[in-house]
């Protein structure tokens, strides 16, 4: 299932509400080392946002880090 802008924005809002450490802990992601989303002057851990955003899609659950690959190749 493809991510939507609405799902990504919902994950970004959740990140802002929870704070980085609580968001990463909730979704069981580690801090990003290289790839970030820059949105309205703030940096977000890209893979964690993608995994959480999947859970904001109708009928879908968040993805764990092990369920998809990230990085430059993907």
N, C-alpha and C. Protein backbone atom coordinates (compact mmCIF):
# COMPACT_ATOMS: atom_id res chain seq x y z
N UNK A 1 0.84 -1.17 0.00
CA UNK A 1 0.00 0.00 0.00
C UNK A 1 0.89 1.24 0.00
N UNK A 2 0.63 2.15 -0.90
CA UNK A 2 1.42 3.37 -1.02
C UNK A 2 1.05 4.38 0.06
N UNK A 3 2.05 5.08 0.55
CA UNK A 3 1.81 6.13 1.52
C UNK A 3 1.15 7.32 0.85
N UNK A 4 0.36 8.03 1.61
CA UNK A 4 -0.26 9.25 1.13
C UNK A 4 0.34 10.44 1.88
N UNK A 5 0.20 11.61 1.29
CA UNK A 5 0.68 12.82 1.96
C UNK A 5 -0.03 13.00 3.29
N UNK A 6 -1.32 12.68 3.34
CA UNK A 6 -2.08 12.83 4.58
C UNK A 6 -1.52 11.91 5.68
N UNK A 7 -1.17 10.68 5.33
CA UNK A 7 -0.62 9.74 6.31
C UNK A 7 0.74 10.21 6.81
N UNK A 8 1.56 10.72 5.92
CA UNK A 8 2.88 11.22 6.32
C UNK A 8 2.72 12.45 7.23
N UNK A 9 1.82 13.35 6.87
CA UNK A 9 1.61 14.53 7.71
C UNK A 9 1.06 14.15 9.08
N UNK A 10 0.22 13.12 9.14
CA UNK A 10 -0.29 12.65 10.44
C UNK A 10 0.86 12.11 11.28
N UNK A 11 1.78 11.39 10.67
CA UNK A 11 2.95 10.87 11.40
C UNK A 11 3.86 12.01 11.86
N UNK A 12 4.03 13.02 11.03
CA UNK A 12 4.83 14.18 11.42
C UNK A 12 4.22 14.89 12.62
N UNK A 13 2.89 15.05 12.60
CA UNK A 13 2.21 15.69 13.74
C UNK A 13 2.38 14.86 15.01
N UNK A 14 2.26 13.54 14.86
CA UNK A 14 2.42 12.66 16.02
C UNK A 14 3.84 12.77 16.58
N UNK A 15 4.83 12.81 15.70
CA UNK A 15 6.23 13.00 16.12
C UNK A 15 6.36 14.27 16.93
N UNK A 16 5.78 15.36 16.44
CA UNK A 16 5.84 16.64 17.14
C UNK A 16 5.16 16.57 18.50
N UNK A 17 4.02 15.91 18.56
CA UNK A 17 3.26 15.81 19.81
C UNK A 17 3.99 14.97 20.86
N UNK A 18 4.55 13.84 20.43
CA UNK A 18 5.21 12.92 21.36
C UNK A 18 6.64 13.32 21.68
N UNK A 19 7.30 13.96 20.73
CA UNK A 19 8.73 14.20 20.84
C UNK A 19 9.48 13.03 20.21
N UNK A 20 10.69 13.32 19.81
CA UNK A 20 11.47 12.34 19.05
C UNK A 20 11.67 11.02 19.79
N UNK A 21 12.15 11.08 21.01
CA UNK A 21 12.48 9.84 21.74
C UNK A 21 11.25 8.98 21.98
N UNK A 22 10.15 9.60 22.41
CA UNK A 22 8.92 8.83 22.66
C UNK A 22 8.35 8.26 21.37
N UNK A 23 8.43 9.02 20.28
CA UNK A 23 7.94 8.54 18.98
C UNK A 23 8.75 7.33 18.53
N UNK A 24 10.07 7.45 18.59
CA UNK A 24 10.93 6.34 18.17
C UNK A 24 10.70 5.11 19.05
N UNK A 25 10.53 5.31 20.33
CA UNK A 25 10.27 4.19 21.25
C UNK A 25 8.93 3.54 20.94
N UNK A 26 7.92 4.34 20.70
CA UNK A 26 6.58 3.80 20.41
C UNK A 26 6.61 2.88 19.20
N UNK A 27 7.32 3.28 18.16
CA UNK A 27 7.35 2.50 16.92
C UNK A 27 8.57 1.60 16.81
N UNK A 28 9.41 1.59 17.83
CA UNK A 28 10.59 0.73 17.91
C UNK A 28 11.59 0.97 16.78
N UNK A 29 11.87 2.23 16.56
CA UNK A 29 12.88 2.62 15.58
C UNK A 29 14.05 3.24 16.30
N UNK A 30 15.21 3.18 15.66
CA UNK A 30 16.39 3.88 16.15
C UNK A 30 16.47 5.22 15.46
N UNK A 31 17.33 6.07 16.01
CA UNK A 31 17.56 7.37 15.38
C UNK A 31 18.12 7.18 13.97
N UNK A 32 17.71 8.04 13.07
CA UNK A 32 18.28 8.01 11.72
C UNK A 32 19.74 8.44 11.79
N UNK A 33 20.55 7.82 10.95
CA UNK A 33 21.96 8.20 10.89
C UNK A 33 22.24 9.10 9.70
N UNK A 34 21.49 8.91 8.62
CA UNK A 34 21.84 9.61 7.40
C UNK A 34 20.65 10.28 6.70
N UNK A 35 19.49 9.66 6.75
CA UNK A 35 18.36 10.17 5.96
C UNK A 35 17.27 10.75 6.86
N UNK A 36 16.90 11.98 6.55
CA UNK A 36 15.91 12.71 7.33
C UNK A 36 14.90 13.35 6.41
N UNK A 37 13.75 13.64 6.95
CA UNK A 37 12.75 14.45 6.27
C UNK A 37 12.89 15.86 6.86
N UNK A 38 13.00 16.84 6.01
CA UNK A 38 13.04 18.23 6.46
C UNK A 38 11.68 18.82 6.13
N UNK A 39 10.96 19.22 7.16
CA UNK A 39 9.61 19.77 6.98
C UNK A 39 9.44 20.96 7.90
N UNK A 40 9.15 22.11 7.30
CA UNK A 40 8.94 23.35 8.04
C UNK A 40 10.09 23.63 9.02
N UNK A 41 11.32 23.39 8.56
CA UNK A 41 12.50 23.71 9.34
C UNK A 41 12.89 22.67 10.39
N UNK A 42 12.17 21.57 10.47
CA UNK A 42 12.47 20.53 11.46
C UNK A 42 12.92 19.26 10.75
N UNK A 43 13.79 18.50 11.42
CA UNK A 43 14.25 17.21 10.89
C UNK A 43 13.50 16.07 11.56
N UNK A 44 13.13 15.08 10.75
CA UNK A 44 12.42 13.91 11.22
C UNK A 44 13.14 12.66 10.72
N UNK A 45 13.17 11.62 11.53
CA UNK A 45 13.80 10.36 11.15
C UNK A 45 12.96 9.71 10.06
N UNK A 46 13.51 9.62 8.85
CA UNK A 46 12.71 9.26 7.68
C UNK A 46 12.08 7.87 7.76
N UNK A 47 12.84 6.87 8.15
CA UNK A 47 12.29 5.52 8.17
C UNK A 47 11.21 5.38 9.25
N UNK A 48 11.42 6.00 10.38
CA UNK A 48 10.41 5.95 11.44
C UNK A 48 9.12 6.63 11.00
N UNK A 49 9.24 7.74 10.32
CA UNK A 49 8.04 8.43 9.81
C UNK A 49 7.32 7.55 8.80
N UNK A 50 8.06 6.93 7.90
CA UNK A 50 7.42 6.06 6.90
C UNK A 50 6.70 4.89 7.57
N UNK A 51 7.34 4.26 8.54
CA UNK A 51 6.71 3.14 9.24
C UNK A 51 5.46 3.55 9.98
N UNK A 52 5.54 4.68 10.68
CA UNK A 52 4.38 5.18 11.43
C UNK A 52 3.28 5.64 10.48
N UNK A 53 3.65 6.29 9.39
CA UNK A 53 2.66 6.77 8.42
C UNK A 53 1.83 5.63 7.86
N UNK A 54 2.44 4.49 7.69
CA UNK A 54 1.70 3.33 7.18
C UNK A 54 0.52 3.01 8.10
N UNK A 55 0.69 3.21 9.39
CA UNK A 55 -0.38 2.97 10.34
C UNK A 55 -1.49 4.00 10.29
N UNK A 56 -1.27 5.10 9.59
CA UNK A 56 -2.30 6.13 9.43
C UNK A 56 -3.11 5.92 8.15
N UNK A 57 -2.83 4.84 7.43
CA UNK A 57 -3.61 4.50 6.25
C UNK A 57 -4.83 3.69 6.68
N UNK A 58 -5.94 3.82 5.98
CA UNK A 58 -7.15 3.07 6.35
C UNK A 58 -6.90 1.56 6.37
N UNK A 59 -7.21 0.95 7.50
CA UNK A 59 -7.10 -0.50 7.63
C UNK A 59 -5.69 -1.05 7.72
N UNK A 60 -4.70 -0.19 7.88
CA UNK A 60 -3.31 -0.64 7.91
C UNK A 60 -2.71 -0.45 9.30
N UNK A 61 -1.67 -1.20 9.55
CA UNK A 61 -0.93 -1.08 10.81
C UNK A 61 0.43 -0.45 10.53
N UNK A 62 1.04 0.15 11.54
CA UNK A 62 2.39 0.67 11.35
C UNK A 62 3.35 -0.45 10.96
N UNK A 63 4.37 -0.11 10.20
CA UNK A 63 5.39 -1.09 9.83
C UNK A 63 6.55 -1.01 10.80
N UNK A 64 7.11 -2.15 11.12
CA UNK A 64 8.33 -2.19 11.94
C UNK A 64 9.53 -1.98 11.04
N UNK A 65 10.62 -1.59 11.64
CA UNK A 65 11.84 -1.34 10.88
C UNK A 65 12.27 -2.56 10.06
N UNK A 66 12.05 -3.74 10.59
CA UNK A 66 12.45 -4.98 9.91
C UNK A 66 11.54 -5.35 8.75
N UNK A 67 10.40 -4.68 8.61
CA UNK A 67 9.43 -5.04 7.58
C UNK A 67 9.63 -4.30 6.25
N UNK A 68 10.57 -3.35 6.22
CA UNK A 68 10.88 -2.68 4.96
C UNK A 68 12.29 -2.12 5.05
N UNK A 69 12.88 -1.90 3.88
CA UNK A 69 14.25 -1.39 3.89
C UNK A 69 14.24 0.08 3.54
N UNK A 70 15.23 0.74 4.06
CA UNK A 70 15.39 2.16 3.81
C UNK A 70 16.77 2.42 3.24
N UNK A 71 17.12 3.67 3.17
CA UNK A 71 18.43 4.03 2.68
C UNK A 71 18.41 4.48 1.24
N UNK A 72 19.57 4.75 0.75
CA UNK A 72 19.73 5.33 -0.58
C UNK A 72 19.19 4.44 -1.70
N UNK A 73 19.35 3.14 -1.57
CA UNK A 73 18.92 2.21 -2.62
C UNK A 73 17.41 2.14 -2.76
N UNK A 74 16.69 2.47 -1.69
CA UNK A 74 15.23 2.35 -1.74
C UNK A 74 14.57 3.70 -1.69
